[in-house]
Amino acid sequence: MSGGGWNVNAAAFVPNLNARPFVPGQPYIPATETASVPLPAEAPVEDWDAEIADSQAEAVEPSAPPAPEPVPGHDSKVIETPSEKAEEAGGGDDKDASEASDVVAPLAKKFERVAYVDDGTHKEHVNMVFIGHVDAGKSTIGGQLMYLTGMVDKRTLEKYEREAKEKGRESWYLSWCMDTNEEEREKGKTVECGRAYFETEKKHFTILDAPGHKSFVPNMISGATQADLAVLVISARKGEFETGFDRGGQTREHAMLVKTAGVRHLVILVNKMDDPTVKWDENRFVEIQGKLTPYLRKCGFNPKTDMIYIPVSGLTGAFIKDRPPCDQGGWYSGPCFIDYIDNHLVSMARDYNGPVRCIVVDKFSDMGTLIIGKMESGVVVKGQNLVLMPNKVVILEHKSIIASGYTCVLHIQSAVEEVTVKMVICTIDKKTGEKKKSRFVRQDEKCIMRIESSEAFCLEPFKELPQLGRFTLRDEGRTIAIGKVLKVVE
């Protein structure tokens, strides 16, 4: 270039293909002399980024040393790795194969164990359903649980409180954490079985908020069939407990249905103890406990091992996570609700090695078909269609007798099917257990009858799998019988 411009008269550039690579710090040697002058060893290319990363790292894992080059005048030897030896051996000694299998087997066993753990949390999963009469405070307690365990932040809760105040539902804002659609928020009544979750130090809980109104009992049954633990919410407000517990209320029916669904553990939360008609009165708590315990014992719950009573306030959070001041329930010395379910509740038995039993509750389409359900045992595979046959039924309440040809609705887990009584095989005396032939069944009688369904669905004999061996019969909006599957015939 001349004067900062291009030299258009310069000779064309011709690359020298025989030139040696340029090495900084080495003298220039013409191409003609490369044959007589030995070339210096090629300097390694320096990776500055790698050096910086290595200098900043706390620990550096040593790399494998390079293979040694053969030295002139000496015998060259090739060093074989264990994998190369195994490849060359092929079908040789069994010793190498056994050593390889010894290395692989522990990894496979470890993988099998990890398959049962949830996302590395190592916490036990427990499904918990809230049941009880309408307006007892089930959704409010569920929302309070989510707030106290950090699943709902304070800003979101303040937003719900403002929106509830605008609609004249100021005391319902906690329930909006569970009741998410506008219909439930407007009427203040849960319709669908809401789902949420929270975690404690030891366990992962899934909340199933069941509706309390009698018109939505089928939705409540769907939630009860998925539960491991039932929380019966009782309103201590004057008149509300009596309304829910008397005939026509849902307290009795819900308690019976969760027992039929296979729930063994029951926590009774006596809610609204801070109400002006109660004012944390111990006598009111004892009165409710005295009236409710005999009925729960009749349903099959053991008062000493299967259930506990806890006075709470869903609105203020008293006795849910922390104890309130002494003037509010200072007479209660038992554990708070979260403390009980986290530390005192018996671990749920899970049969991972048993036959596959998965109860499908719901499904929806989102990037394919997704299903919601509860695994009772085993791992997920394709199920079988079975036919419902002889059952053991207890008649609870109905105006007329039940005989051959009677039709009703059967609930077993999430399945709801119309069935027909084909034959009453016999009645059973409750005291002596004696069986007598009969053509019909009256109220409060126990019997064995054959029931037939036009559609196929999954069930099991009660002795083999109790979760799929219990069912409920309903007619005209009422539960008329509960029973067990004695035998399934194709």
Protein backbone atom coordinates (compact mmCIF):
# COMPACT_ATOMS: atom_id res chain seq x y z
CA MET A 1 0.00 0.00 0.00
CA SER A 2 1.16 3.56 -0.63
CA GLY A 3 -0.21 6.70 0.93
CA GLY A 4 -2.90 4.77 2.74
CA GLY A 5 -4.32 3.34 -0.51
CA TRP A 6 -4.15 0.02 -2.36
CA ASN A 7 -1.25 -0.82 -4.71
CA VAL A 8 -2.99 -1.96 -7.85
CA ASN A 9 0.35 -2.88 -9.48
CA ALA A 10 1.41 -5.35 -6.76
CA ALA A 11 2.17 -8.96 -7.72
CA ALA A 12 -0.53 -11.56 -7.18
CA PHE A 13 -0.37 -13.47 -3.89
CA VAL A 14 0.80 -17.06 -4.27
CA PRO A 15 0.61 -19.22 -1.09
CA ASN A 16 3.67 -21.31 -0.19
CA LEU A 17 2.30 -24.76 0.49
CA ASN A 18 5.66 -25.99 1.81
CA ALA A 19 6.04 -23.28 4.43
CA ARG A 20 6.34 -24.44 8.02
CA PRO A 21 3.79 -23.26 10.59
CA PHE A 22 4.55 -19.95 12.23
CA VAL A 23 5.58 -20.35 15.89
CA PRO A 24 6.02 -17.20 18.01
CA GLY A 25 9.55 -16.86 19.42
CA GLN A 26 11.18 -19.14 16.81
CA PRO A 27 13.56 -17.79 14.10
CA TYR A 28 12.38 -17.79 10.49
CA ILE A 29 13.77 -20.65 8.43
CA PRO A 30 13.38 -20.67 4.63
CA ALA A 31 11.46 -23.51 3.07
CA THR A 32 14.60 -24.84 1.33
CA GLU A 33 16.31 -25.48 4.64
CA THR A 34 13.47 -27.35 6.33
CA ALA A 35 14.86 -30.72 5.29
CA SER A 36 18.27 -30.23 6.99
CA VAL A 37 17.22 -28.38 10.10
CA PRO A 38 15.15 -30.36 12.60
CA LEU A 39 11.90 -28.70 13.49
CA PRO A 40 11.30 -27.84 17.12
CA ALA A 41 8.50 -29.61 18.95
CA GLU A 42 5.13 -28.07 18.19
CA ALA A 43 3.99 -25.87 21.02
CA PRO A 44 0.58 -26.78 22.40
CA VAL A 45 -2.26 -24.43 21.61
CA GLU A 46 -3.18 -22.57 24.75
CA ASP A 47 -6.86 -22.39 25.74
CA TRP A 48 -7.16 -19.16 27.75
CA ASP A 49 -10.84 -19.71 28.59
CA ALA A 50 -10.10 -23.13 30.01
CA GLU A 51 -7.25 -21.76 32.12
CA ILE A 52 -9.45 -19.03 33.56
CA ALA A 53 -12.21 -21.52 34.35
CA ASP A 54 -9.72 -23.88 36.01
CA SER A 55 -8.25 -21.09 38.12
CA GLN A 56 -11.70 -20.11 39.39
CA ALA A 57 -12.91 -23.62 40.10
CA GLU A 58 -12.72 -24.89 43.68
CA ALA A 59 -11.69 -28.41 42.66
CA VAL A 60 -10.29 -29.67 39.36
CA GLU A 61 -10.78 -33.26 38.34
CA PRO A 62 -7.47 -34.66 36.89
CA SER A 63 -7.62 -35.66 33.27
CA ALA A 64 -6.36 -38.93 31.88
CA PRO A 65 -2.61 -38.81 30.93
CA PRO A 66 -1.82 -39.01 27.19
CA ALA A 67 -0.65 -42.28 25.74
CA PRO A 68 3.21 -42.49 25.68
CA GLU A 69 4.89 -42.36 22.28
CA PRO A 70 7.21 -45.24 21.31
CA VAL A 71 10.90 -44.49 21.83
CA PRO A 72 13.34 -45.52 19.02
CA GLY A 73 15.45 -48.47 19.98
CA HIS A 74 13.07 -49.75 22.62
CA ASP A 75 10.26 -52.28 22.48
CA SER A 76 6.91 -50.57 22.11
CA LYS A 77 4.10 -51.73 24.39
CA VAL A 78 0.41 -50.89 24.17
CA ILE A 79 -1.33 -50.37 27.50
CA GLU A 80 -4.87 -51.80 27.40
CA THR A 81 -7.77 -50.44 29.44
CA PRO A 82 -10.16 -52.83 31.24
CA SER A 83 -12.84 -52.16 28.62
CA GLU A 84 -10.41 -53.02 25.80
CA LYS A 85 -9.49 -56.24 27.54
CA ALA A 86 -13.13 -57.17 27.85
CA GLU A 87 -13.69 -56.46 24.15
CA GLU A 88 -10.72 -58.57 23.10
CA ALA A 89 -11.70 -61.38 25.44
CA GLY A 90 -15.10 -61.62 23.78
CA GLY A 91 -16.61 -64.87 24.98
CA GLY A 92 -13.58 -65.78 27.10
CA ASP A 93 -13.43 -66.20 30.87
CA ASP A 94 -16.61 -65.70 32.87
CA LYS A 95 -14.63 -63.83 35.51
CA ASP A 96 -14.56 -60.60 33.50
CA ALA A 97 -18.27 -60.87 32.78
CA SER A 98 -19.07 -61.42 36.44
CA GLU A 99 -16.98 -58.39 37.40
CA ALA A 100 -18.90 -56.27 34.91
CA SER A 101 -22.23 -57.55 36.21
CA ASP A 102 -21.17 -56.81 39.78
CA VAL A 103 -20.63 -53.19 38.78
CA VAL A 104 -23.91 -52.81 36.89
CA ALA A 105 -26.25 -54.59 39.33
CA PRO A 106 -26.05 -52.06 42.21
CA LEU A 107 -26.82 -49.25 39.77
CA ALA A 108 -29.94 -51.05 38.55
CA LYS A 109 -31.12 -51.64 42.12
CA LYS A 110 -30.56 -48.01 42.98
CA PHE A 111 -32.61 -46.93 39.97
CA GLU A 112 -35.51 -49.14 41.06
CA ARG A 113 -35.56 -47.54 44.49
CA VAL A 114 -35.44 -44.02 43.09
CA ALA A 115 -38.46 -44.77 40.89
CA TYR A 116 -40.71 -44.64 43.95
CA VAL A 117 -39.43 -41.31 45.29
CA ASP A 118 -41.10 -38.03 44.36
CA ASP A 119 -38.79 -35.55 42.60
CA GLY A 120 -36.05 -35.92 45.17
CA THR A 121 -38.18 -34.61 48.05
CA HIS A 122 -38.38 -38.02 49.77
CA LYS A 123 -41.65 -36.97 51.43
CA GLU A 124 -44.59 -39.27 51.96
CA HIS A 125 -47.68 -38.43 49.90
CA VAL A 126 -51.02 -38.22 51.73
CA ASN A 127 -54.37 -37.39 50.10
CA MET A 128 -56.63 -35.49 52.49
CA VAL A 129 -60.35 -34.82 51.88
CA PHE A 130 -62.39 -32.18 53.73
CA ILE A 131 -65.95 -33.30 54.44
CA GLY A 132 -68.88 -31.95 56.43
CA HIS A 133 -72.16 -30.07 56.20
CA VAL A 134 -72.53 -27.06 53.92
CA ASP A 135 -71.07 -23.80 55.36
CA ALA A 136 -69.10 -25.64 58.04
CA GLY A 137 -65.91 -23.90 56.88
CA LYS A 138 -64.14 -26.57 54.80
CA SER A 139 -62.85 -24.27 52.05
CA THR A 140 -61.87 -21.59 54.56
CA ILE A 141 -59.71 -24.05 56.52
CA GLY A 142 -58.19 -25.29 53.25
CA GLY A 143 -57.27 -21.73 52.27
CA GLN A 144 -55.85 -21.06 55.74
CA LEU A 145 -53.69 -24.18 55.45
CA MET A 146 -52.30 -23.02 52.10
CA TYR A 147 -51.51 -19.58 53.54
CA LEU A 148 -49.86 -20.87 56.73
CA THR A 149 -47.67 -23.32 54.77
CA GLY A 150 -46.58 -20.70 52.22
CA MET A 151 -48.52 -22.01 49.21
CA VAL A 152 -50.43 -18.70 48.89
CA ASP A 153 -48.50 -15.46 49.33
CA LYS A 154 -49.77 -12.49 51.30
CA ARG A 155 -50.28 -10.31 48.21
CA THR A 156 -52.60 -12.89 46.59
CA LEU A 157 -54.55 -13.23 49.82
CA GLU A 158 -54.95 -9.44 50.07
CA LYS A 159 -56.25 -9.44 46.49
CA TYR A 160 -58.86 -12.09 47.38
CA GLU A 161 -59.84 -10.07 50.43
CA ARG A 162 -60.42 -6.91 48.37
CA GLU A 163 -62.45 -8.78 45.75
CA ALA A 164 -64.53 -10.53 48.40
CA LYS A 165 -65.21 -7.23 50.16
CA GLU A 166 -66.42 -5.67 46.89
CA LYS A 167 -68.96 -8.49 46.53
CA GLY A 168 -70.10 -8.34 50.15
CA ARG A 169 -68.37 -11.63 51.02
CA GLU A 170 -65.60 -10.30 53.23
CA SER A 171 -65.40 -13.36 55.50
CA TRP A 172 -65.15 -15.75 52.54
CA TYR A 173 -61.82 -14.58 51.11
CA LEU A 174 -59.85 -17.55 52.46
CA SER A 175 -62.20 -20.00 50.77
CA TRP A 176 -61.41 -18.38 47.41
CA CYS A 177 -58.03 -20.14 47.50
CA MET A 178 -59.99 -23.38 46.96
CA ASP A 179 -63.18 -22.16 45.22
CA THR A 180 -61.75 -20.81 42.00
CA ASN A 181 -64.75 -20.43 39.66
CA GLU A 182 -67.23 -17.57 39.75
CA GLU A 183 -70.27 -19.73 40.52
CA GLU A 184 -68.71 -21.04 43.73
CA ARG A 185 -67.55 -17.57 44.77
CA GLU A 186 -70.91 -15.93 44.11
CA LYS A 187 -72.96 -18.53 46.01
CA GLY A 188 -70.33 -19.35 48.63
CA LYS A 189 -70.82 -23.08 48.04
CA THR A 190 -68.28 -25.56 46.67
CA VAL A 191 -69.63 -27.48 43.66
CA GLU A 192 -66.68 -29.42 42.24
CA CYS A 193 -64.11 -31.28 44.32
CA GLY A 194 -61.30 -28.72 44.47
CA ARG A 195 -57.63 -29.75 44.54
CA ALA A 196 -54.57 -28.08 46.03
CA TYR A 197 -51.46 -29.16 47.89
CA PHE A 198 -49.13 -28.09 50.68
CA GLU A 199 -46.02 -29.49 52.31
CA THR A 200 -44.88 -29.93 55.89
CA GLU A 201 -41.45 -30.94 57.15
CA LYS A 202 -42.08 -34.65 56.58
CA LYS A 203 -45.05 -35.03 54.21
CA HIS A 204 -46.63 -33.80 51.00
CA PHE A 205 -50.41 -33.33 51.32
CA THR A 206 -52.96 -33.09 48.52
CA ILE A 207 -56.15 -31.29 49.60
CA LEU A 208 -59.46 -32.55 48.21
CA ASP A 209 -62.13 -30.00 49.10
CA ALA A 210 -65.43 -31.89 48.79
CA PRO A 211 -68.76 -30.04 48.40
CA GLY A 212 -71.06 -30.12 51.43
CA HIS A 213 -74.44 -29.55 49.77
CA LYS A 214 -76.62 -32.64 49.39
CA SER A 215 -77.10 -31.93 45.69
CA PHE A 216 -73.40 -32.55 45.06
CA VAL A 217 -72.90 -35.79 47.02
CA PRO A 218 -71.67 -37.65 43.89
CA ASN A 219 -68.84 -35.11 43.61
CA MET A 220 -68.08 -35.65 47.29
CA ILE A 221 -67.89 -39.43 46.76
CA SER A 222 -65.39 -38.85 43.95
CA GLY A 223 -63.14 -36.97 46.37
CA ALA A 224 -63.56 -39.50 49.19
CA THR A 225 -62.43 -42.40 47.01
CA GLN A 226 -59.06 -40.71 46.45
CA ALA A 227 -58.39 -39.94 50.12
CA ASP A 228 -56.08 -41.53 52.68
CA LEU A 229 -57.18 -39.17 55.46
CA ALA A 230 -60.57 -37.52 56.05
CA VAL A 231 -61.02 -34.22 57.89
CA LEU A 232 -64.59 -33.83 59.17
CA VAL A 233 -65.31 -30.13 59.71
CA ILE A 234 -68.02 -29.38 62.29
CA SER A 235 -69.48 -25.92 62.90
CA ALA A 236 -69.70 -25.15 66.62
CA ARG A 237 -71.98 -22.15 66.01
CA LYS A 238 -75.27 -22.48 67.84
CA GLY A 239 -77.80 -24.30 65.66
CA GLU A 240 -75.41 -25.14 62.80
CA PHE A 241 -74.06 -28.36 64.33
CA GLU A 242 -77.59 -29.57 65.05
CA THR A 243 -78.70 -28.80 61.47
CA GLY A 244 -75.82 -30.75 59.96
CA PHE A 245 -76.06 -33.71 62.35
CA ASP A 246 -79.82 -34.25 62.35
CA ARG A 247 -81.49 -36.34 59.66
CA GLY A 248 -81.26 -34.53 56.37
CA GLY A 249 -77.87 -33.01 57.22
CA GLN A 250 -74.70 -34.09 55.46
CA THR A 251 -72.50 -34.71 58.52
CA ARG A 252 -73.84 -38.23 59.02
CA GLU A 253 -73.81 -39.20 55.36
CA HIS A 254 -70.32 -37.84 54.70
CA ALA A 255 -68.84 -39.72 57.67
CA MET A 256 -70.43 -42.95 56.51
CA LEU A 257 -69.34 -42.47 52.89
CA VAL A 258 -65.65 -41.90 53.68
CA LYS A 259 -65.62 -45.07 55.78
CA THR A 260 -67.21 -46.94 52.89
CA ALA A 261 -64.54 -45.51 50.58
CA GLY A 262 -61.85 -47.11 52.76
CA VAL A 263 -60.61 -44.10 54.76
CA ARG A 264 -59.29 -45.35 58.12
CA HIS A 265 -58.16 -42.12 59.80
CA LEU A 266 -60.52 -39.27 60.70
CA VAL A 267 -59.67 -35.84 62.13
CA ILE A 268 -62.66 -33.90 63.49
CA LEU A 269 -62.08 -30.14 63.40
CA VAL A 270 -64.66 -28.32 65.55
CA ASN A 271 -64.64 -25.02 63.65
CA LYS A 272 -65.96 -21.52 64.45
CA MET A 273 -65.00 -21.77 68.12
CA ASP A 274 -64.36 -18.00 68.01
CA ASP A 275 -68.01 -17.31 67.09
CA PRO A 276 -69.89 -14.97 69.50
CA THR A 277 -72.36 -17.79 70.25
CA VAL A 278 -69.49 -20.06 71.39
CA LYS A 279 -66.55 -17.91 72.61
CA TRP A 280 -64.24 -20.93 72.99
CA ASP A 281 -66.62 -22.61 75.42
CA GLU A 282 -65.26 -26.01 76.48
CA ASN A 283 -68.77 -27.26 77.28
CA ARG A 284 -69.84 -26.76 73.66
CA PHE A 285 -66.79 -28.73 72.47
CA VAL A 286 -67.55 -31.60 74.89
CA GLU A 287 -71.23 -31.59 73.87
CA ILE A 288 -70.38 -32.00 70.17
CA GLN A 289 -67.86 -34.70 70.99
CA GLY A 290 -70.41 -36.63 73.06
CA LYS A 291 -73.08 -36.57 70.34
CA LEU A 292 -70.79 -37.35 67.42
CA THR A 293 -68.63 -40.15 68.84
CA PRO A 294 -71.38 -42.83 69.14
CA TYR A 295 -72.39 -42.35 65.51
CA LEU A 296 -68.79 -42.47 64.25
CA ARG A 297 -68.24 -45.66 66.24
CA LYS A 298 -71.31 -47.11 64.51
CA CYS A 299 -69.80 -46.20 61.13
CA GLY A 300 -66.72 -48.25 62.00
CA PHE A 301 -64.21 -45.72 63.38
CA ASN A 302 -62.36 -46.62 66.58
CA PRO A 303 -62.49 -43.56 68.91
CA LYS A 304 -59.15 -44.48 70.53
CA THR A 305 -57.03 -45.17 67.46
CA ASP A 306 -58.78 -43.82 64.35
CA MET A 307 -59.91 -40.29 65.25
CA ILE A 308 -59.08 -37.11 67.15
CA TYR A 309 -61.04 -33.93 68.01
CA ILE A 310 -59.33 -30.52 67.61
CA PRO A 311 -61.02 -27.13 68.29
CA VAL A 312 -60.04 -24.59 65.60
CA SER A 313 -60.94 -21.29 64.01
CA GLY A 314 -60.57 -21.34 60.24
CA LEU A 315 -60.87 -17.55 60.03
CA THR A 316 -58.11 -16.70 62.54
CA GLY A 317 -56.02 -19.87 62.13
CA ALA A 318 -56.17 -20.79 65.82
CA PHE A 319 -54.90 -24.35 66.53
CA ILE A 320 -54.29 -24.98 62.83
CA LYS A 321 -50.55 -24.31 62.96
CA ASP A 322 -49.93 -22.35 66.18
CA ARG A 323 -51.66 -22.14 69.53
CA PRO A 324 -53.67 -18.96 70.24
CA PRO A 325 -53.49 -16.95 73.51
CA CYS A 326 -54.53 -18.75 76.69
CA ASP A 327 -57.93 -17.02 76.79
CA GLN A 328 -58.79 -18.76 73.49
CA GLY A 329 -59.05 -22.48 74.12
CA GLY A 330 -56.49 -22.65 76.89
CA TRP A 331 -58.29 -25.75 78.18
CA TYR A 332 -57.22 -27.76 75.10
CA SER A 333 -53.88 -29.51 75.63
CA GLY A 334 -53.70 -31.64 72.47
CA PRO A 335 -51.63 -31.03 69.30
CA CYS A 336 -52.42 -28.46 66.64
CA PHE A 337 -53.77 -29.73 63.33
CA ILE A 338 -50.59 -29.46 61.22
CA ASP A 339 -48.48 -30.89 64.05
CA TYR A 340 -50.81 -33.90 64.34
CA ILE A 341 -50.93 -34.82 60.65
CA ASP A 342 -47.17 -34.32 60.27
CA ASN A 343 -45.84 -36.05 63.40
CA HIS A 344 -48.59 -38.19 64.95
CA LEU A 345 -50.45 -39.61 61.95
CA VAL A 346 -49.64 -43.23 61.12
CA SER A 347 -47.80 -43.71 57.82
CA MET A 348 -49.96 -44.97 54.96
CA ALA A 349 -49.27 -48.49 53.70
CA ARG A 350 -48.29 -48.54 50.02
CA ASP A 351 -48.08 -51.79 48.08
CA TYR A 352 -45.64 -51.03 45.26
CA ASN A 353 -45.07 -54.68 44.39
CA GLY A 354 -48.73 -55.71 44.25
CA PRO A 355 -50.98 -55.95 41.20
CA VAL A 356 -51.70 -52.73 39.34
CA ARG A 357 -54.77 -50.88 40.59
CA CYS A 358 -55.24 -47.27 39.46
CA ILE A 359 -58.50 -45.40 40.06
CA VAL A 360 -59.10 -42.93 37.22
CA VAL A 361 -61.05 -39.95 38.55
CA ASP A 362 -60.94 -37.45 35.71
CA LYS A 363 -59.33 -36.70 32.36
CA PHE A 364 -58.67 -33.67 30.20
CA SER A 365 -56.93 -32.87 26.92
CA ASP A 366 -53.76 -30.76 26.92
CA MET A 367 -50.97 -31.83 24.57
CA GLY A 368 -52.60 -35.25 24.56
CA THR A 369 -54.95 -36.93 27.01
CA LEU A 370 -54.03 -36.53 30.68
CA ILE A 371 -55.69 -38.48 33.48
CA ILE A 372 -56.16 -37.79 37.18
CA GLY A 373 -56.39 -40.69 39.58
CA LYS A 374 -55.05 -42.54 42.57
CA MET A 375 -52.71 -45.51 42.48
CA GLU A 376 -53.86 -48.16 44.95
CA SER A 377 -51.08 -50.66 44.24
CA GLY A 378 -48.44 -51.62 41.71
CA VAL A 379 -47.36 -49.58 38.71
CA VAL A 380 -49.47 -48.27 35.82
CA VAL A 381 -50.35 -50.71 33.03
CA LYS A 382 -53.47 -51.33 30.98
CA GLY A 383 -56.34 -52.46 33.18
CA GLN A 384 -59.05 -55.07 32.72
CA ASN A 385 -62.81 -54.74 32.32
CA LEU A 386 -64.61 -56.78 34.97
CA VAL A 387 -68.26 -57.64 35.55
CA LEU A 388 -70.01 -56.84 38.83
CA MET A 389 -71.67 -59.87 40.41
CA PRO A 390 -72.58 -61.04 43.97
CA ASN A 391 -72.28 -58.40 46.69
CA LYS A 392 -72.83 -58.09 50.42
CA VAL A 393 -75.20 -55.18 51.02
CA VAL A 394 -76.51 -53.42 54.13
CA ILE A 395 -79.81 -51.61 53.66
CA LEU A 396 -79.70 -48.26 55.45
CA GLU A 397 -82.70 -46.11 54.62
CA HIS A 398 -85.44 -46.33 52.00
CA LYS A 399 -89.20 -46.08 51.91
CA SER A 400 -89.92 -49.32 50.10
CA ILE A 401 -88.45 -52.79 50.21
CA ILE A 402 -85.70 -53.93 47.86
CA ALA A 403 -86.39 -57.00 45.74
CA SER A 404 -85.52 -58.49 42.38
CA GLY A 405 -85.80 -55.96 39.57
CA TYR A 406 -84.97 -52.95 41.77
CA THR A 407 -82.72 -50.41 39.99
CA CYS A 408 -80.42 -47.84 41.59
CA VAL A 409 -77.06 -46.12 41.07
CA LEU A 410 -73.83 -47.77 42.22
CA HIS A 411 -70.74 -45.75 43.21
CA ILE A 412 -67.43 -47.62 43.42
CA GLN A 413 -64.36 -45.38 43.52
CA SER A 414 -64.83 -42.98 40.60
CA ALA A 415 -67.19 -45.26 38.64
CA VAL A 416 -70.92 -44.42 38.64
CA GLU A 417 -73.15 -47.04 37.02
CA GLU A 418 -76.84 -47.94 37.01
CA VAL A 419 -77.37 -51.46 38.35
CA THR A 420 -80.26 -53.88 38.79
CA VAL A 421 -80.88 -56.31 41.64
CA LYS A 422 -81.18 -59.71 39.95
CA MET A 423 -81.79 -61.80 43.07
CA VAL A 424 -81.80 -61.57 46.87
CA ILE A 425 -79.85 -64.68 47.89
CA CYS A 426 -80.41 -64.47 51.65
CA THR A 427 -80.67 -62.17 54.66
CA ILE A 428 -78.21 -62.30 57.59
CA ASP A 429 -79.16 -61.92 61.24
CA LYS A 430 -76.98 -59.14 62.71
CA LYS A 431 -76.67 -60.79 66.14
CA THR A 432 -76.29 -64.49 65.33
CA GLY A 433 -75.03 -64.33 61.74
CA GLU A 434 -77.64 -66.88 60.69
CA LYS A 435 -78.57 -66.85 57.01
CA LYS A 436 -82.21 -67.10 55.92
CA LYS A 437 -83.72 -67.25 52.45
CA SER A 438 -85.74 -64.17 51.56
CA ARG A 439 -87.32 -62.64 48.50
CA PHE A 440 -86.89 -59.02 49.63
CA VAL A 441 -84.94 -56.82 52.07
CA ARG A 442 -86.27 -54.22 54.52
CA GLN A 443 -84.56 -51.21 56.05
CA ASP A 444 -81.68 -51.94 58.49
CA GLU A 445 -81.39 -55.53 57.28
CA LYS A 446 -78.18 -57.17 56.12
CA CYS A 447 -78.24 -59.41 53.07
CA ILE A 448 -76.35 -61.03 50.22
CA MET A 449 -77.70 -60.20 46.79
CA ARG A 450 -76.70 -60.48 43.18
CA ILE A 451 -76.37 -57.20 41.28
CA GLU A 452 -75.88 -56.81 37.55
CA SER A 453 -74.63 -53.89 35.49
CA SER A 454 -75.12 -53.33 31.78
CA GLU A 455 -71.66 -51.76 31.50
CA ALA A 456 -68.29 -53.24 32.47
CA PHE A 457 -66.07 -51.48 35.01
CA CYS A 458 -63.20 -52.33 37.35
CA LEU A 459 -63.65 -53.85 40.82
CA GLU A 460 -62.11 -56.52 43.04
CA PRO A 461 -63.37 -58.87 45.79
CA PHE A 462 -63.04 -57.17 49.16
CA LYS A 463 -60.68 -59.84 50.51
CA GLU A 464 -58.18 -59.30 47.69
CA LEU A 465 -58.22 -55.49 47.49
CA PRO A 466 -60.49 -53.58 49.92
CA GLN A 467 -60.09 -50.30 48.02
CA LEU A 468 -61.86 -51.77 45.00
CA GLY A 469 -64.24 -53.96 46.99
CA ARG A 470 -66.41 -51.32 48.69
CA PHE A 471 -69.40 -49.66 47.03
CA THR A 472 -72.37 -47.42 47.75
CA LEU A 473 -75.94 -47.64 46.42
CA ARG A 474 -77.91 -44.42 45.98
CA ASP A 475 -81.43 -43.66 44.80
CA GLU A 476 -83.47 -40.46 44.61
CA GLY A 477 -80.59 -38.40 45.95
CA ARG A 478 -80.08 -40.53 49.09
CA THR A 479 -77.62 -43.21 50.12
CA ILE A 480 -79.68 -46.38 50.66
CA ALA A 481 -76.98 -49.02 51.17
CA ILE A 482 -73.28 -49.72 51.50
CA GLY A 483 -71.69 -53.04 50.68
CA LYS A 484 -68.71 -55.24 49.91
CA VAL A 485 -67.92 -57.26 46.79
CA LEU A 486 -67.80 -60.93 47.77
CA LYS A 487 -67.28 -62.46 44.35
CA VAL A 488 -66.81 -61.37 40.75
CA VAL A 489 -68.07 -63.65 37.99
CA GLU A 490 -67.44 -63.04 34.30
